[in-house]
Amino acid sequence: MQTLPREEGSKKWDDFWNSLKEEWFKVEVLQDYSGEDHGESLSLWLEGKKEESMAVLMKQDNQEWKKALEDTKDAKKIRLHVVERPLTAYLEWEVEVYKRQNIPLGEEVYLVEKTDVIHLEIPDGDFMLFDNKKAIKNTYDKTGKCYQYDFYDEGNDISKFLHLKSELIRFAQPLKV
């Protein structure tokens, strides 16, 4: 395992993504990622201007994410978010983003109730699996901004992430558009 600050780890993250062949699986655990600066759409949502927020979202140019998905079009993309009730304002916004952007772009998105998986040792940061061979775990500050990556290359032990994947998927509810 190799730990790198976000800035240094970005190239390695891109290398993992670009080597993706079959499946990308991401588990999100935070209830608020607003430290990642999601721009005008999120700001409007948090001000209670939900229709305006979604209008801005749909006008935004997300060509970079579309290209990343197109470059890996043969690989399945699965996103699973462990949620707590009631949903935070941030998560309410993110669920709408999933419905309007992620799912139409080919991602499968699932929600898992935290109360259903409280018995599992879920990391305090997100993790991603790449073809069930490599993994990345993100570490966040208190604002929900990622500042560090732990990279697990082929040959590193990723069994804990594979186990969590199989357990979490048992409780997953698909998010529908």
Protein backbone atom coordinates (compact mmCIF):
# COMPACT_ATOMS: atom_id res chain seq x y z
CA MET A 1 0.00 0.00 0.00
CA GLN A 2 1.21 3.48 -0.85
CA THR A 3 -0.16 6.66 0.76
CA LEU A 4 0.10 9.89 -1.21
CA PRO A 5 -1.25 13.41 -0.74
CA ARG A 6 -4.06 14.15 -3.17
CA GLU A 7 -1.97 16.36 -5.44
CA GLU A 8 0.80 13.77 -5.77
CA GLY A 9 -1.64 10.90 -6.02
CA SER A 10 -3.69 12.33 -8.87
CA LYS A 11 -1.48 10.80 -11.57
CA LYS A 12 -1.58 7.37 -9.93
CA TRP A 13 -5.38 7.69 -9.59
CA ASP A 14 -5.56 8.43 -13.32
CA ASP A 15 -3.33 5.41 -14.03
CA PHE A 16 -5.73 3.15 -12.08
CA TRP A 17 -8.71 4.61 -13.97
CA ASN A 18 -7.02 4.35 -17.38
CA SER A 19 -6.16 0.69 -16.79
CA LEU A 20 -9.80 -0.12 -15.97
CA LYS A 21 -11.15 -2.99 -18.07
CA GLU A 22 -14.18 -4.66 -16.44
CA GLU A 23 -15.56 -2.90 -13.37
CA TRP A 24 -15.21 0.21 -11.23
CA PHE A 25 -16.90 -0.05 -7.85
CA LYS A 26 -17.06 2.93 -5.50
CA VAL A 27 -18.37 3.12 -1.94
CA GLU A 28 -19.14 6.58 -0.61
CA VAL A 29 -19.59 7.00 3.13
CA LEU A 30 -19.63 10.71 3.98
CA GLN A 31 -22.94 12.48 4.38
CA ASP A 32 -21.53 15.81 3.19
CA TYR A 33 -18.76 16.41 0.67
CA SER A 34 -19.31 20.15 0.37
CA GLY A 35 -15.60 20.75 1.07
CA GLU A 36 -14.99 19.50 -2.48
CA ASP A 37 -16.58 22.71 -3.86
CA HIS A 38 -19.37 21.59 -6.17
CA GLY A 39 -20.12 25.07 -7.40
CA GLU A 40 -23.23 27.01 -8.20
CA SER A 41 -25.69 24.09 -8.36
CA LEU A 42 -24.92 22.97 -4.81
CA SER A 43 -24.92 26.56 -3.52
CA LEU A 44 -28.37 27.16 -4.97
CA TRP A 45 -29.65 23.86 -3.54
CA LEU A 46 -28.39 24.76 -0.07
CA GLU A 47 -30.16 28.13 -0.38
CA GLY A 48 -33.43 26.24 -0.99
CA LYS A 49 -33.53 27.06 -4.72
CA LYS A 50 -33.84 23.45 -5.83
CA GLU A 51 -35.37 23.94 -9.29
CA GLU A 52 -32.80 26.61 -10.10
CA SER A 53 -30.05 24.32 -8.80
CA MET A 54 -31.09 21.51 -11.12
CA ALA A 55 -31.43 23.87 -14.08
CA VAL A 56 -27.85 25.05 -13.49
CA LEU A 57 -26.70 21.44 -13.12
CA MET A 58 -28.22 20.42 -16.43
CA LYS A 59 -26.58 23.39 -18.19
CA GLN A 60 -23.15 22.62 -16.75
CA ASP A 61 -20.60 21.21 -19.10
CA ASN A 62 -19.54 17.87 -17.66
CA GLN A 63 -17.50 16.91 -20.70
CA GLU A 64 -14.56 15.76 -18.57
CA TRP A 65 -16.65 13.11 -16.75
CA LYS A 66 -18.42 12.13 -19.97
CA LYS A 67 -15.05 11.61 -21.67
CA ALA A 68 -13.75 9.58 -18.71
CA LEU A 69 -16.82 7.34 -18.92
CA GLU A 70 -16.53 7.05 -22.69
CA ASP A 71 -12.84 6.12 -22.44
CA THR A 72 -13.82 3.22 -20.16
CA LYS A 73 -17.19 2.45 -21.77
CA ASP A 74 -16.69 -1.31 -21.70
CA ALA A 75 -16.25 -1.31 -17.93
CA LYS A 76 -19.23 -1.49 -15.61
CA LYS A 77 -19.50 1.51 -13.22
CA ILE A 78 -21.13 0.91 -9.85
CA ARG A 79 -21.51 3.58 -7.15
CA LEU A 80 -22.88 2.73 -3.73
CA HIS A 81 -23.55 5.38 -1.07
CA VAL A 82 -24.02 4.44 2.59
CA VAL A 83 -26.63 6.92 3.83
CA GLU A 84 -28.00 8.02 7.17
CA ARG A 85 -31.56 9.25 7.69
CA PRO A 86 -32.68 11.93 7.52
CA LEU A 87 -30.59 12.75 4.48
CA THR A 88 -28.43 15.83 4.74
CA ALA A 89 -29.18 18.69 2.36
CA TYR A 90 -25.96 17.78 0.58
CA LEU A 91 -27.09 14.17 0.07
CA GLU A 92 -30.52 15.24 -1.15
CA TRP A 93 -28.71 17.29 -3.81
CA GLU A 94 -26.31 14.46 -4.64
CA VAL A 95 -29.17 11.97 -5.10
CA GLU A 96 -30.65 14.34 -7.69
CA VAL A 97 -27.24 14.60 -9.38
CA TYR A 98 -27.03 10.81 -9.51
CA LYS A 99 -30.48 10.66 -11.14
CA ARG A 100 -29.85 13.42 -13.65
CA GLN A 101 -26.18 12.81 -14.53
CA ASN A 102 -24.56 9.64 -13.22
CA ILE A 103 -27.30 7.15 -14.10
CA PRO A 104 -27.98 8.60 -17.58
CA LEU A 105 -24.22 8.40 -18.23
CA GLY A 106 -24.28 4.67 -17.53
CA GLU A 107 -23.50 4.31 -13.83
CA GLU A 108 -25.46 1.97 -11.62
CA VAL A 109 -26.14 3.82 -8.36
CA TYR A 110 -27.24 2.21 -5.11
CA LEU A 111 -28.09 3.46 -1.65
CA VAL A 112 -27.47 1.45 1.50
CA GLU A 113 -28.98 2.41 4.84
CA LYS A 114 -26.22 2.73 7.43
CA THR A 115 -28.47 1.11 10.03
CA ASP A 116 -28.53 -2.04 7.87
CA VAL A 117 -24.73 -2.34 7.77
CA ILE A 118 -23.74 -1.03 11.20
CA HIS A 119 -22.20 -4.45 11.92
CA LEU A 120 -19.63 -3.96 9.14
CA GLU A 121 -16.27 -2.25 9.59
CA ILE A 122 -16.72 0.37 6.92
CA PRO A 123 -13.77 2.75 6.44
CA ASP A 124 -14.26 6.39 7.39
CA GLY A 125 -13.47 7.38 3.82
CA ASP A 126 -14.61 6.23 0.41
CA PHE A 127 -12.99 3.36 -1.38
CA MET A 128 -12.89 2.24 -4.98
CA LEU A 129 -12.12 -1.09 -6.56
CA PHE A 130 -10.69 -1.34 -10.05
CA ASP A 131 -11.41 -4.70 -11.71
CA ASN A 132 -11.38 -6.28 -8.22
CA LYS A 133 -7.57 -6.17 -8.40
CA LYS A 134 -6.61 -2.70 -7.18
CA ALA A 135 -8.14 -0.31 -4.66
CA ILE A 136 -7.97 3.28 -3.54
CA LYS A 137 -9.15 4.55 -0.16
CA ASN A 138 -9.75 8.29 0.22
CA THR A 139 -9.14 10.22 3.45
CA TYR A 140 -11.15 13.39 4.08
CA ASP A 141 -10.89 16.40 6.33
CA LYS A 142 -13.81 17.64 8.45
CA THR A 143 -15.26 19.65 5.56
CA GLY A 144 -15.52 16.62 3.26
CA LYS A 145 -12.48 17.48 1.14
CA CYS A 146 -10.24 14.59 0.13
CA TYR A 147 -6.62 15.21 1.04
CA GLN A 148 -4.99 11.77 0.80
CA TYR A 149 -5.17 8.50 -1.11
CA ASP A 150 -4.11 5.01 -0.05
CA PHE A 151 -3.27 3.00 -3.17
CA TYR A 152 -3.43 -0.80 -3.16
CA ASP A 153 -1.77 -2.11 -6.30
CA GLU A 154 -2.09 -5.61 -7.68
CA GLY A 155 -0.35 -7.87 -5.20
CA ASN A 156 -1.47 -5.82 -2.18
CA ASP A 157 -4.09 -7.37 0.07
CA ILE A 158 -7.47 -5.87 -0.86
CA SER A 159 -9.55 -8.67 0.68
CA LYS A 160 -11.17 -6.30 3.21
CA PHE A 161 -12.50 -4.14 0.36
CA LEU A 162 -13.70 -7.15 -1.62
CA HIS A 163 -15.46 -8.48 1.48
CA LEU A 164 -17.13 -5.12 2.11
CA LYS A 165 -18.23 -4.95 -1.51
CA SER A 166 -19.95 -8.33 -1.30
CA GLU A 167 -21.59 -7.49 2.03
CA LEU A 168 -22.72 -3.99 1.10
CA ILE A 169 -24.22 -5.08 -2.21
CA ARG A 170 -26.51 -7.45 -0.27
CA PHE A 171 -28.19 -4.44 1.35
CA ALA A 172 -28.10 -2.11 -1.66
CA GLN A 173 -31.24 -0.57 -3.08
CA PRO A 174 -30.94 0.61 -6.69
CA LEU A 175 -31.58 4.29 -7.26
CA LYS A 176 -34.01 4.80 -10.12
CA VAL A 177 -34.31 7.82 -12.39
